[in-house]
Amino acid sequence: MAASAAAQAPGDRLERGDAVIQNLNKGQAQPALERMRQEFPFLATATQSYALGEVWSRPGLDSRTRQLAAVAALAATGDMAFLKIHAGYALNLGVSEDELKEIVYTVTVLAGFPRAIAASQTLSALFAERRAGLESRQ
């Protein structure tokens, strides 16, 4: 088997996808993916294999930059559920709340105020949850 074909083997992609999740989610499983795995196992495997193992593991961008791009795209398209997940990953990778706020401000120009306002509300809820989690651990 050629080296490029071996690199694309489904098992390799699944392993890379798992490594991406571990990196983004501080060594924890991703709850949304695990819920999907229960009822839609093919979709979960395809997500882990292709989206994570093939696309998110590419070397062209570091994880932090990739998450900033994802937050911007999700805010602009109005997908607040995934915005919350990826903003959480961004925070896990060291992106600051202020940097995420700047993404929202940029969205006002590119996608409009309604999308930016929805994104701001989603991020505010995420920030509050994170602060509450930190306080409960102290």
N, C-alpha and C. Protein backbone atom coordinates (compact mmCIF):
# COMPACT_ATOMS: atom_id res chain seq x y z
N MET A 1 0.85 -1.18 0.00
CA MET A 1 0.00 0.00 0.00
C MET A 1 0.89 1.24 0.00
N ALA A 2 0.55 2.23 -0.80
CA ALA A 2 1.34 3.45 -0.89
C ALA A 2 1.26 4.21 0.43
N ALA A 3 2.30 5.00 0.71
CA ALA A 3 2.35 5.75 1.97
C ALA A 3 1.17 6.69 2.11
N SER A 4 0.77 7.36 1.03
CA SER A 4 -0.35 8.30 1.12
C SER A 4 -1.66 7.57 1.41
N ALA A 5 -1.84 6.39 0.84
CA ALA A 5 -3.05 5.62 1.12
C ALA A 5 -3.06 5.13 2.56
N ALA A 6 -1.91 4.74 3.07
CA ALA A 6 -1.84 4.28 4.46
C ALA A 6 -2.13 5.42 5.42
N ALA A 7 -1.68 6.63 5.08
CA ALA A 7 -1.91 7.78 5.94
C ALA A 7 -3.39 8.13 6.01
N GLN A 8 -4.15 7.71 5.00
CA GLN A 8 -5.57 8.03 4.95
C GLN A 8 -6.45 6.91 5.49
N ALA A 9 -5.87 5.88 6.03
CA ALA A 9 -6.65 4.75 6.55
C ALA A 9 -7.63 5.23 7.61
N PRO A 10 -8.85 4.68 7.60
CA PRO A 10 -9.87 5.13 8.56
C PRO A 10 -9.42 5.07 10.01
N GLY A 11 -8.69 4.03 10.40
CA GLY A 11 -8.22 3.93 11.78
C GLY A 11 -7.28 5.06 12.14
N ASP A 12 -6.41 5.43 11.21
CA ASP A 12 -5.50 6.55 11.45
C ASP A 12 -6.27 7.86 11.63
N ARG A 13 -7.26 8.07 10.78
CA ARG A 13 -8.07 9.30 10.89
C ARG A 13 -8.83 9.33 12.21
N LEU A 14 -9.37 8.19 12.62
CA LEU A 14 -10.09 8.14 13.90
C LEU A 14 -9.15 8.47 15.06
N GLU A 15 -7.95 7.92 15.01
CA GLU A 15 -6.96 8.21 16.06
C GLU A 15 -6.58 9.68 16.07
N ARG A 16 -6.37 10.26 14.88
CA ARG A 16 -6.05 11.69 14.82
C ARG A 16 -7.22 12.51 15.32
N GLY A 17 -8.44 12.10 14.97
CA GLY A 17 -9.63 12.80 15.44
C GLY A 17 -9.73 12.76 16.95
N ASP A 18 -9.45 11.60 17.54
CA ASP A 18 -9.47 11.49 18.99
C ASP A 18 -8.40 12.38 19.62
N ALA A 19 -7.23 12.44 19.00
CA ALA A 19 -6.16 13.30 19.52
C ALA A 19 -6.56 14.77 19.46
N VAL A 20 -7.25 15.17 18.40
CA VAL A 20 -7.73 16.55 18.29
C VAL A 20 -8.70 16.86 19.42
N ILE A 21 -9.66 15.96 19.65
CA ILE A 21 -10.63 16.17 20.72
C ILE A 21 -9.92 16.28 22.07
N GLN A 22 -9.00 15.39 22.33
CA GLN A 22 -8.27 15.41 23.60
C GLN A 22 -7.54 16.74 23.78
N ASN A 23 -6.94 17.25 22.71
CA ASN A 23 -6.23 18.52 22.77
C ASN A 23 -7.18 19.69 23.01
N LEU A 24 -8.28 19.72 22.30
CA LEU A 24 -9.21 20.84 22.40
C LEU A 24 -9.99 20.84 23.70
N ASN A 25 -10.26 19.67 24.24
CA ASN A 25 -11.17 19.55 25.38
C ASN A 25 -10.45 19.13 26.65
N LYS A 26 -9.21 19.52 26.77
CA LYS A 26 -8.41 19.27 27.98
C LYS A 26 -8.42 17.81 28.41
N GLY A 27 -8.23 16.92 27.45
CA GLY A 27 -8.14 15.50 27.76
C GLY A 27 -9.47 14.80 28.00
N GLN A 28 -10.56 15.52 27.83
CA GLN A 28 -11.89 14.95 28.07
C GLN A 28 -12.57 14.59 26.76
N ALA A 29 -13.52 13.67 26.83
CA ALA A 29 -14.35 13.36 25.67
C ALA A 29 -15.21 14.59 25.36
N GLN A 30 -15.70 14.67 24.14
CA GLN A 30 -16.57 15.79 23.74
C GLN A 30 -18.01 15.33 23.93
N PRO A 31 -18.75 15.94 24.87
CA PRO A 31 -20.11 15.46 25.18
C PRO A 31 -21.05 15.42 23.99
N ALA A 32 -21.04 16.42 23.13
CA ALA A 32 -21.96 16.42 21.98
C ALA A 32 -21.64 15.27 21.04
N LEU A 33 -20.37 15.01 20.83
CA LEU A 33 -19.96 13.90 19.97
C LEU A 33 -20.35 12.56 20.60
N GLU A 34 -20.19 12.44 21.89
CA GLU A 34 -20.54 11.19 22.57
C GLU A 34 -22.05 10.95 22.55
N ARG A 35 -22.86 12.03 22.69
CA ARG A 35 -24.32 11.87 22.57
C ARG A 35 -24.68 11.44 21.15
N MET A 36 -24.03 12.04 20.17
CA MET A 36 -24.28 11.68 18.77
C MET A 36 -23.91 10.21 18.54
N ARG A 37 -22.83 9.78 19.15
CA ARG A 37 -22.37 8.40 18.98
C ARG A 37 -23.43 7.39 19.44
N GLN A 38 -24.25 7.76 20.42
CA GLN A 38 -25.29 6.86 20.94
C GLN A 38 -26.40 6.62 19.92
N GLU A 39 -26.87 7.68 19.27
CA GLU A 39 -28.01 7.54 18.37
C GLU A 39 -27.64 7.56 16.88
N PHE A 40 -26.54 8.18 16.56
CA PHE A 40 -26.11 8.32 15.17
C PHE A 40 -24.64 7.93 15.05
N PRO A 41 -24.32 6.65 15.28
CA PRO A 41 -22.91 6.24 15.32
C PRO A 41 -22.15 6.51 14.03
N PHE A 42 -22.79 6.34 12.87
CA PHE A 42 -22.10 6.61 11.62
C PHE A 42 -21.72 8.08 11.53
N LEU A 43 -22.63 8.96 11.89
CA LEU A 43 -22.37 10.40 11.83
C LEU A 43 -21.26 10.79 12.80
N ALA A 44 -21.27 10.20 13.97
CA ALA A 44 -20.20 10.49 14.95
C ALA A 44 -18.85 10.02 14.44
N THR A 45 -18.81 8.83 13.87
CA THR A 45 -17.56 8.31 13.33
C THR A 45 -17.09 9.16 12.15
N ALA A 46 -18.00 9.55 11.28
CA ALA A 46 -17.64 10.39 10.15
C ALA A 46 -17.12 11.75 10.62
N THR A 47 -17.74 12.31 11.64
CA THR A 47 -17.29 13.59 12.19
C THR A 47 -15.89 13.45 12.77
N GLN A 48 -15.69 12.42 13.57
CA GLN A 48 -14.38 12.21 14.19
C GLN A 48 -13.32 11.93 13.13
N SER A 49 -13.67 11.11 12.15
CA SER A 49 -12.71 10.71 11.13
C SER A 49 -12.39 11.85 10.16
N TYR A 50 -13.42 12.45 9.58
CA TYR A 50 -13.17 13.46 8.55
C TYR A 50 -12.94 14.86 9.16
N ALA A 51 -13.95 15.38 9.85
CA ALA A 51 -13.84 16.76 10.34
C ALA A 51 -12.65 16.93 11.28
N LEU A 52 -12.51 16.01 12.22
CA LEU A 52 -11.43 16.13 13.20
C LEU A 52 -10.14 15.50 12.72
N GLY A 53 -10.22 14.26 12.27
CA GLY A 53 -9.02 13.52 11.89
C GLY A 53 -8.40 13.94 10.58
N GLU A 54 -9.20 14.47 9.68
CA GLU A 54 -8.68 14.86 8.37
C GLU A 54 -8.49 16.37 8.27
N VAL A 55 -9.47 17.16 8.67
CA VAL A 55 -9.41 18.61 8.49
C VAL A 55 -8.77 19.31 9.68
N TRP A 56 -9.29 19.07 10.88
CA TRP A 56 -8.78 19.79 12.06
C TRP A 56 -7.35 19.40 12.42
N SER A 57 -6.89 18.26 11.97
CA SER A 57 -5.53 17.83 12.31
C SER A 57 -4.50 18.27 11.26
N ARG A 58 -4.93 19.00 10.25
CA ARG A 58 -4.00 19.46 9.22
C ARG A 58 -2.95 20.39 9.84
N PRO A 59 -1.75 20.40 9.28
CA PRO A 59 -0.68 21.20 9.86
C PRO A 59 -0.68 22.68 9.48
N GLY A 60 -1.52 23.13 8.57
CA GLY A 60 -1.46 24.49 8.05
C GLY A 60 -1.77 25.60 9.04
N LEU A 61 -2.56 25.32 10.07
CA LEU A 61 -2.90 26.31 11.10
C LEU A 61 -2.71 25.66 12.46
N ASP A 62 -2.33 26.47 13.44
CA ASP A 62 -2.29 25.92 14.79
C ASP A 62 -3.72 25.85 15.34
N SER A 63 -3.91 25.09 16.40
CA SER A 63 -5.26 24.87 16.95
C SER A 63 -5.92 26.16 17.39
N ARG A 64 -5.15 27.05 17.94
CA ARG A 64 -5.71 28.33 18.42
C ARG A 64 -6.28 29.14 17.26
N THR A 65 -5.52 29.27 16.20
CA THR A 65 -5.98 30.02 15.03
C THR A 65 -7.18 29.35 14.39
N ARG A 66 -7.15 28.03 14.31
CA ARG A 66 -8.26 27.29 13.72
C ARG A 66 -9.54 27.52 14.53
N GLN A 67 -9.43 27.58 15.85
CA GLN A 67 -10.61 27.82 16.68
C GLN A 67 -11.13 29.25 16.52
N LEU A 68 -10.24 30.22 16.41
CA LEU A 68 -10.69 31.60 16.16
C LEU A 68 -11.46 31.68 14.84
N ALA A 69 -10.94 31.00 13.81
CA ALA A 69 -11.64 30.98 12.52
C ALA A 69 -13.00 30.31 12.66
N ALA A 70 -13.06 29.22 13.41
CA ALA A 70 -14.33 28.51 13.60
C ALA A 70 -15.34 29.38 14.34
N VAL A 71 -14.89 30.07 15.38
CA VAL A 71 -15.79 30.96 16.14
C VAL A 71 -16.35 32.04 15.22
N ALA A 72 -15.50 32.64 14.40
CA ALA A 72 -15.95 33.69 13.49
C ALA A 72 -16.96 33.14 12.48
N ALA A 73 -16.67 31.99 11.90
CA ALA A 73 -17.58 31.40 10.91
C ALA A 73 -18.91 31.02 11.54
N LEU A 74 -18.87 30.43 12.72
CA LEU A 74 -20.11 30.01 13.37
C LEU A 74 -20.94 31.21 13.82
N ALA A 75 -20.29 32.25 14.29
CA ALA A 75 -21.02 33.47 14.66
C ALA A 75 -21.67 34.09 13.42
N ALA A 76 -20.92 34.14 12.34
CA ALA A 76 -21.43 34.75 11.11
C ALA A 76 -22.58 33.95 10.50
N THR A 77 -22.56 32.63 10.66
CA THR A 77 -23.64 31.80 10.10
C THR A 77 -24.80 31.61 11.07
N GLY A 78 -24.61 32.05 12.32
CA GLY A 78 -25.69 31.98 13.29
C GLY A 78 -25.84 30.65 13.99
N ASP A 79 -24.83 29.82 13.96
CA ASP A 79 -24.90 28.50 14.62
C ASP A 79 -24.38 28.62 16.05
N MET A 80 -25.27 29.02 16.95
CA MET A 80 -24.85 29.33 18.31
C MET A 80 -24.49 28.10 19.13
N ALA A 81 -25.10 26.96 18.85
CA ALA A 81 -24.76 25.75 19.61
C ALA A 81 -23.30 25.36 19.36
N PHE A 82 -22.90 25.35 18.10
CA PHE A 82 -21.51 25.01 17.78
C PHE A 82 -20.57 26.16 18.13
N LEU A 83 -21.05 27.39 18.06
CA LEU A 83 -20.23 28.53 18.49
C LEU A 83 -19.81 28.34 19.94
N LYS A 84 -20.75 27.94 20.78
CA LYS A 84 -20.45 27.75 22.20
C LYS A 84 -19.39 26.66 22.39
N ILE A 85 -19.51 25.57 21.66
CA ILE A 85 -18.54 24.48 21.77
C ILE A 85 -17.15 24.96 21.35
N HIS A 86 -17.08 25.62 20.20
CA HIS A 86 -15.77 26.02 19.68
C HIS A 86 -15.18 27.20 20.45
N ALA A 87 -16.02 28.07 20.99
CA ALA A 87 -15.51 29.14 21.85
C ALA A 87 -14.93 28.53 23.13
N GLY A 88 -15.56 27.48 23.63
CA GLY A 88 -15.01 26.77 24.79
C GLY A 88 -13.66 26.17 24.48
N TYR A 89 -13.54 25.57 23.30
CA TYR A 89 -12.24 25.04 22.89
C TYR A 89 -11.21 26.16 22.81
N ALA A 90 -11.62 27.28 22.23
CA ALA A 90 -10.69 28.41 22.10
C ALA A 90 -10.20 28.86 23.48
N LEU A 91 -11.11 28.95 24.43
CA LEU A 91 -10.71 29.32 25.79
C LEU A 91 -9.75 28.28 26.37
N ASN A 92 -10.03 27.01 26.11
CA ASN A 92 -9.14 25.94 26.59
C ASN A 92 -7.73 26.09 26.02
N LEU A 93 -7.63 26.65 24.82
CA LEU A 93 -6.34 26.80 24.15
C LEU A 93 -5.65 28.12 24.46
N GLY A 94 -6.25 28.92 25.35
CA GLY A 94 -5.60 30.16 25.75
C GLY A 94 -6.11 31.43 25.10
N VAL A 95 -7.13 31.32 24.26
CA VAL A 95 -7.74 32.52 23.70
C VAL A 95 -8.45 33.25 24.85
N SER A 96 -8.34 34.55 24.88
CA SER A 96 -8.95 35.32 25.97
C SER A 96 -10.40 35.69 25.64
N GLU A 97 -11.15 36.02 26.66
CA GLU A 97 -12.51 36.51 26.46
C GLU A 97 -12.50 37.75 25.57
N ASP A 98 -11.53 38.63 25.79
CA ASP A 98 -11.46 39.84 24.98
C ASP A 98 -11.23 39.53 23.50
N GLU A 99 -10.43 38.53 23.20
CA GLU A 99 -10.23 38.15 21.80
C GLU A 99 -11.51 37.62 21.19
N LEU A 100 -12.27 36.84 21.94
CA LEU A 100 -13.55 36.34 21.43
C LEU A 100 -14.53 37.49 21.23
N LYS A 101 -14.49 38.46 22.10
CA LYS A 101 -15.34 39.65 21.93
C LYS A 101 -14.99 40.39 20.64
N GLU A 102 -13.71 40.47 20.33
CA GLU A 102 -13.29 41.13 19.09
C GLU A 102 -13.83 40.41 17.86
N ILE A 103 -13.91 39.09 17.93
CA ILE A 103 -14.52 38.32 16.84
C ILE A 103 -15.96 38.77 16.65
N VAL A 104 -16.69 38.90 17.76
CA VAL A 104 -18.10 39.33 17.70
C VAL A 104 -18.20 40.73 17.08
N TYR A 105 -17.32 41.62 17.47
CA TYR A 105 -17.36 42.98 16.91
C TYR A 105 -17.14 42.94 15.41
N THR A 106 -16.25 42.09 14.95
CA THR A 106 -16.00 41.96 13.51
C THR A 106 -17.21 41.40 12.79
N VAL A 107 -17.93 40.50 13.44
CA VAL A 107 -19.12 39.90 12.83
C VAL A 107 -20.18 40.97 12.52
N THR A 108 -20.21 42.05 13.29
CA THR A 108 -21.21 43.10 12.99
C THR A 108 -21.05 43.62 11.57
N VAL A 109 -19.81 43.73 11.12
CA VAL A 109 -19.54 44.25 9.78
C VAL A 109 -19.83 43.20 8.71
N LEU A 110 -19.43 41.97 8.97
CA LEU A 110 -19.50 40.92 7.94
C LEU A 110 -20.83 40.19 7.88
N ALA A 111 -21.53 40.08 9.00
CA ALA A 111 -22.76 39.29 9.01
C ALA A 111 -23.96 40.03 9.62
N GLY A 112 -23.71 41.20 10.19
CA GLY A 112 -24.81 42.00 10.72
C GLY A 112 -24.95 41.95 12.23
N PHE A 113 -25.65 42.95 12.74
CA PHE A 113 -25.84 43.07 14.17
C PHE A 113 -26.64 41.94 14.79
N PRO A 114 -27.71 41.44 14.16
CA PRO A 114 -28.45 40.34 14.80
C PRO A 114 -27.57 39.11 15.08
N ARG A 115 -26.71 38.73 14.14
CA ARG A 115 -25.83 37.59 14.36
C ARG A 115 -24.80 37.91 15.45
N ALA A 116 -24.28 39.11 15.43
CA ALA A 116 -23.29 39.49 16.44
C ALA A 116 -23.93 39.54 17.83
N ILE A 117 -25.14 40.03 17.92
CA ILE A 117 -25.83 40.08 19.22
C ILE A 117 -26.10 38.67 19.72
N ALA A 118 -26.56 37.80 18.85
CA ALA A 118 -26.79 36.40 19.26
C ALA A 118 -25.48 35.77 19.72
N ALA A 119 -24.40 36.02 19.00
CA ALA A 119 -23.10 35.48 19.40
C ALA A 119 -22.66 36.05 20.75
N SER A 120 -22.90 37.34 20.96
CA SER A 120 -22.52 37.95 22.25
C SER A 120 -23.28 37.31 23.40
N GLN A 121 -24.54 37.01 23.18
CA GLN A 121 -25.35 36.37 24.23
C GLN A 121 -24.84 34.96 24.52
N THR A 122 -24.50 34.23 23.48
CA THR A 122 -23.96 32.88 23.64
C THR A 122 -22.64 32.92 24.40
N LEU A 123 -21.76 33.85 24.01
CA LEU A 123 -20.47 33.95 24.69
C LEU A 123 -20.64 34.41 26.14
N SER A 124 -21.54 35.34 26.38
CA SER A 124 -21.78 35.78 27.76
C SER A 124 -22.21 34.61 28.64
N ALA A 125 -23.08 33.76 28.11
CA ALA A 125 -23.53 32.58 28.87
C ALA A 125 -22.36 31.63 29.11
N LEU A 126 -21.53 31.42 28.11
CA LEU A 126 -20.36 30.56 28.25
C LEU A 126 -19.40 31.12 29.29
N PHE A 127 -19.12 32.42 29.22
CA PHE A 127 -18.21 33.04 30.19
C PHE A 127 -18.75 32.88 31.61
N ALA A 128 -20.06 33.09 31.79
CA ALA A 128 -20.67 32.95 33.12
C ALA A 128 -20.57 31.50 33.62
N GLU A 129 -20.81 30.53 32.74
CA GLU A 129 -20.70 29.13 33.13
C GLU A 129 -19.27 28.80 33.55
N ARG A 130 -18.32 29.30 32.81
CA ARG A 130 -16.91 29.04 33.13
C ARG A 130 -16.54 29.67 34.46
N ARG A 131 -16.97 30.88 34.70
CA ARG A 131 -16.67 31.56 35.98
C ARG A 131 -17.31 30.81 37.14
N ALA A 132 -18.56 30.38 36.95
CA ALA A 132 -19.25 29.63 38.00
C ALA A 132 -18.53 28.32 38.28
N GLY A 133 -18.04 27.66 37.24
CA GLY A 133 -17.29 26.42 37.41
C GLY A 133 -16.00 26.64 38.17
N LEU A 134 -15.32 27.75 37.89
CA LEU A 134 -14.08 28.07 38.61
C LEU A 134 -14.37 28.36 40.08
N GLU A 135 -15.44 29.10 40.34
CA GLU A 135 -15.80 29.45 41.72
C GLU A 135 -16.17 28.21 42.52
N SER A 136 -16.85 27.27 41.89
CA SER A 136 -17.28 26.07 42.63
C SER A 136 -16.09 25.16 42.95
N ARG A 137 -15.00 25.27 42.20
CA ARG A 137 -13.81 24.46 42.46
C ARG A 137 -12.92 25.08 43.53
N GLN A 138 -13.17 26.33 43.87
CA GLN A 138 -12.30 27.00 44.87
C GLN A 138 -12.82 26.83 46.26
